[in-house]
Amino acid sequence: MDDVDPFARGRLELTMRRVRRFLRERIEPAVHGERRPVAVRAWTVGGEPVPFAEAAAQRFDPFAVGEPWGRPWDTVWFEVRGEVPQEWASDEAELLVDLGFDEAQPGFQAEATAYRPDGSVVKAVEPRNAWVPIDGSGPFTLLIEAAANPVVFTPYAYRPTPVGDPASAGSEPIYRLTTLEVARRDAEVWELLQDVLVLDGLVDVLPEDGARRAQLVTALERMVDVMDPADVPGTAAAGRAALAPALAVRAADSALRVSAVGHAHIDSAWLWPTRETVRKVARTFANVLDLLDRDPDFVYAASSAQQYAWLQASQPALFERVRAAVDSGRIRPVGGMWVESDTNMPSGESLVRQLVHGKRWFLEHLGVESDEVWLPDSFGYTAAFPQIARAAGMRSFVTQKPSWNETNRMPYSTFLWEGIDGSRLLTHFPPADTYNSDLGAEDLARTERRFAEKGRAKEVLGLFGFGDGGGGPTREMLAAAHRKADLDGSPRVRLTDPATFFADAAAELPDPSVWSGEMYLELHRGTLISQQRTKRGNRRNEALLREAELWATTAAVLRGAAYPYDALEEAWRTVLLQQFHDILPGSSIAWVHQEAERNHAAVSAALEGLIGGALAALGGGGGDPVVANAAPLARHGVPALGIGPASEPVAATPRPTPRGFALVDDALRVVVDRRGVLLSVQDRASGREVLPEGLPGGVLQLFRDTPRDWDAWDIDAEDQRTGVELLAPESVEVEGDAVVVRHRFGASTVEVRIRVVDGRLDYAFAIDWHETQKLLKLAFPLDVRATHATSEIQFGHLQRPIHRNTSWDSARFETVAHRWIHVGETGFGVAIANDVVYGHDVRAAVAPSGRPMAVARLSLLRAPLFPDPTADQGRHAFTVSLRPGGIPEAIDDGYRQHLPRRTTSGTPVEPLVAVTDPAVLVEAVKLAEDRSGDVVVRLSESLGGRAAGEVRTTFPWTSVVATDLLEREVASTALGGSTPGDSARIALRPFELLTLRFRR
C-alpha cells in the first residue's frame, strides 16, 4: 500500500521542479559565463588519418562556426587561435567545443584530440567532456583533430545503415561545427553545480516518505532561496553553504563500500574500425592523464596490451606519460590479455596466447604483471577459463555481462568460479550492472539493490567512465566520488584500484559461494553464427598456427633450421586481435569484418609459407610422397605429430536402391532418398540404427530470424517455431563417390556432397547465400535416450542437459561447441564433428513411435541486417561428419576436420614427442618464448578422467620442468621423474592442462 501523504508528495514534486529549473537555467549557464570568440581555420584530410606533423604542415582555410564539416569517416583539422584576457586566472580559461554532438551517445560519434603547436597532446574532446584547458593568459593556438565518425547505432534501434562501409557511407558532411570559443570557468559555480547534482540524484532514489529525502529537498530549496538568480557567481558561495549541512551527514555503518576504479571499456573494433580505435585509445588516455594531474586520488585501470601497443606506436610521447603513470601506480594495466577476447569460440591455445602475449607485453614494456582477468563485456565465459587463467598466474576475474541475462539472474556477485578441472578464480560482477558508471545515485542505488552478498559483505567494485567508444572518466564523476565518500543515503565511495578491492573482498568473505561450469549468457546467442567468413578465418589460422609451430620446431631441433620467432609472433597477434569480442562474434560493421577477412587471408598465406619452408627442411630433398600429421592422434599409419607414408582414405561407392542411393563400407550402411535426406544410418558392428524410425536425417531447416533486439547478436527461441524443411531439391545424383544434392530457395543455392569415408558420414556443403533475416540449420534426429549432450570446449568438453526441467535449461537453447558434439546413451552414441560451426542446439524429443529421442542441430548461416546489412552474403563452405561411437571417436573426427592430411614430399620424420596414454593430447609444440631454444610442449587430459604415462622424446635435452603459461618453472604434481633425452612421467587429473619445458 502506498502510505505517502499525497499532499506532501505533491509539495516535494513542486519544490524539485523549481530546483531543477534553477539548475538548468541559472546555475549551468553561469559555469562559463564569460566567453570570447576565436579565429578558426580548417584542413580536410580527405582520407585516412595523418600524423600531427603532416597535418600541421598543410594550408588551412578560414572556417566559420556553424559550417558543416566531415564526410563519414573523414578527418578535419581545425586550427584555433584566440586570446585569454590578462585578468583571467591561469586555471580559468577553457576552450569549449561542440562539433555537432548528440548528447545521447558519447563515444559513438564525432570526437577530437587537441594538440599544442609543438605536437604535444592536451586532451580529447568528447560529447560530454567537451572542454580543453588553456595554459596561462595572452594569445594561444591549438590544433583540433576532429574525427567525423558517423552515428551507426541509436540505442535500441537496429535499422540497416550504409555508413558501416566507407564505400557506401556517402560523401556529404554529416556534422556542423556548433561551438568553438574560449570561456572563463567559474570554479565556485562549478562546485555548486556538482553539489546540486549529487543531492538531486539522491532525491530520485531515496524512499519517498523518508526523512533523508525530505531533508535534501529542503536543503535544495534553501539553496535556491538564498541565491540571486541575476547574480549566480556572486551568490554561489551562499548556495553552497546552504547545501553543506546536507552534504555533511555521514553514511550509515551498514552502507556498502564501492571501490571506484576509473575505467573506459574501449572496444578494439565494433561500430568503428581498428584504425579509429587507435585514436580512441589516445584520446582516452589523454583525458585520463589530464585528470591524474588534477586529482591525486584518481586511479585508472585499462586492459588490452594491444591498445597500449597501438598508443606506443601512434603517440610515443603520450605513451611515455602513460608509462610514467604506470610506474607511479596511478594507471593500472589489468586483464593480462592481448585484447578483451571472446571466450566461447577461440581455441584453448588461443586463450593461452591471449594471456601469454598480453602478460609478456605488459612485463616487457611496462614492467608490471596483472593478476586480474578483465572481461566485462564478452558474450559468455567458457568453463575452461578458470584453469587457463590460473595457469597464467591470474587470481581474480571481473565481468559484468551476465547481468544482461534475459531469463535468470546469476545468484552471486562475489564468488569462486570453478572450471572443468576444478580450478577456481575469485570472481566479481559489479552490481551496478554496468562497466560505464557515472557514480550517479541511480547506479549506486542499483549497486545496493543487486549486491547478492549484502548482509555478509560490503565490498563492491564500481567501474566509472564513458566506455565502449571510449572517453573515460570525467571531472564531474570524480566530483561525485569525493562527495559520496561518506554521505548518508549513498554507499560509501572510495577511489582505489582493482587489486585493493579484491584483497579487501577476499578478506571479508573468506568462504564465498561457488559457481561451477560455464557462465552462459542468456542473450547474444546469434554471435555463434554471424559473419561466418570471419569465423572460418579464425578456425583455419588456429590450425595453421599449430602446424607452423610444430613443423618449425621439428625443423629447428632436428635440422638446425632457423625458428621464425618474429613471423609467428606477428601472426599470433594478428589472429588474437581478430578474436576481440565484437570481431569474432560477428557483431561489428562491414568495414571491421572486411578487414578481419583480409587479415586472416594474409596470415594464412604467411603461415603456409612457414609450413612449406619447415617441411622442405625436414624433407631433406627426398622425393617420395609423405603425409605430415600435425594432429595429436595417429592417422592412416602416420604417427601423431610425425611425417610418413600413409594409406589413402577409403570412400564407399554409391549404388542405386529402390528408394535412393546406398553407401556402404565396413562400418556404416547409409541410405539417401530422392529428397536428398537420410533414410537410414546403420552401425554395422552393433546393428543399431542411428535415426528414429520414420524420421529423415541430415535435413536442412530454414527459420525466420527476426530478433526483438540486437540483430547480429541475438536469435530468439520463438523464431524456431517458424522453420521449414528443405525436402524438394532440384536434383539428387551420383558424382564419383558422392551423392550430390542441390537445393534452390529464395535467392540462394546449396550443394551437399554426401560421402561415406573410413566409417564416417561426411556432408560437404557449398552454399551461395543471399537470404535476409533467415537462419539455416542442419538437423539430425537420433535414436538415443540421452539426458545430456557433450560439447567440445577448450582443453576438454562440457555436458549440458538437453531437457527443459528448469528455466536455466530452457534458456540454454543455442550453445557453443568447437569441433564436435556427442549425444548418447550407455553403450551407444553418435559423434557429430565440423570444420567451422560453433552454434549448436540439442534437445530431447519424442519420435513418431512414442519412444524418446534426441535432435541435434548445427547452425550454419544467418543473415542479420544490423550493423552490417550485407552480413554473410555470398559463398560459404562447411563440412559436417557423423559417426556412431564415443567421445574418443568424436575427438578423432574433430581433429580430422581441423587438421586435414597435408601431403608433401620427403622422408619419414619421427615425432619430437609422443605420449603413451591416449587420453593425453599434445596441444602445442613450440620453442620457448624467451628464444633460448628450449622445447615447450603443452598437454591436456581429454576424456575427463585420470591419466598417467610417459612423454617420450626423440631429441636431446638435459632436464624437464613444469611451467606456467609464461614458461616459468612452477611446482606440479603432474610431472614425475624423467630420463634426460628420453622420457618424462606424467599423471594428470581430469581435464588438467600441463606445460612442460625441455631444456636443451
Foldseek 3Di string as FASTA:
>chain_A
DDPDDPVVLVVLVVLVVVLVVLLVPFLVCVQFVDWAAKWKWKDWPPDADDAPVVVLPDDTGGDDAFAFDDQAFTKMKMKIKDWFDQPADFFFKKKFWDFADDLPDKLQFKKKWKAFPVRHTQAIAISVFGITTDGHGTMGIIMIIITGHHRLDDPFDFDFDQSLDVVRRDDDGDTGTHGTIMTTGLVLSVLLSLLLQQLSLLLVQDDSRDPLNVVSSVLSSVLVVQADSVCCSVCSVVSVVSSVVQLPDFADPLFFEAAEAWEAAEFCFFQHANSVSLVLLLNQLSQVLVVVVVDVQHAHEDEALLNLVSCCVRPVVSSVSVLVCVVVRRYHYEQQFNFLFAAQAAFQVLVLNRNLVSQVSCCVPNVDGYQEHENAAFQWHFLAPLQSSVLSVHAAYEYLQLCPAPFDHDQAAWAWEAHLQGHTHTYGHQQLSDLADLLGLSSQSSSVVRHNCRVQHRQGYHHHAHYHSHNIHDVSSVSSLVSQCTHYSGHHYGHDDDVVSVVVVCVSCVDGHYDYGIGHRLWLLLLLFFQQLLLLLLLQLVLLLQLLFLLLLLLCFPPVDDRPLPLSVVLSSLSSSCRHRNRSSNNHAPVRPVVSNVSSVVSVVSSVVSNVVSVVSVQVPFFAKKWQACFLCDDQNAHHSWIGHGDDWDWFAWDADPFAIWGDDPAWIWGAGFLRWTQWIAGVVVRDTFADHPDTFFWKKKWAADDSGSFSRGGDPVRVVGIDTRRHFPGWDDDGQWTWTWHDDDPKIKIWTWIQIPQKTKTKIKIQDDDARMWIKTKGKTPADFQWKWAAHHLEIDTDGQEPPDVVNVSPFKFFHHFWMWTHDPPKIKIKGKQRFTIKGKHWDADPVRHIIMMIMTTHHGQYSPPYNRIPHGIDIMMMMMHMDDPVVNVVVSSCSSHPIDMDGHHIDDRQKHWPWVQKGWDHWRAASVPQSWIKIKIWRYHQAKDKTKIFGQGFFDDKAWHRSNRHGDDDPQWDDDDTPTITIGIDGGSNMIMMITHD
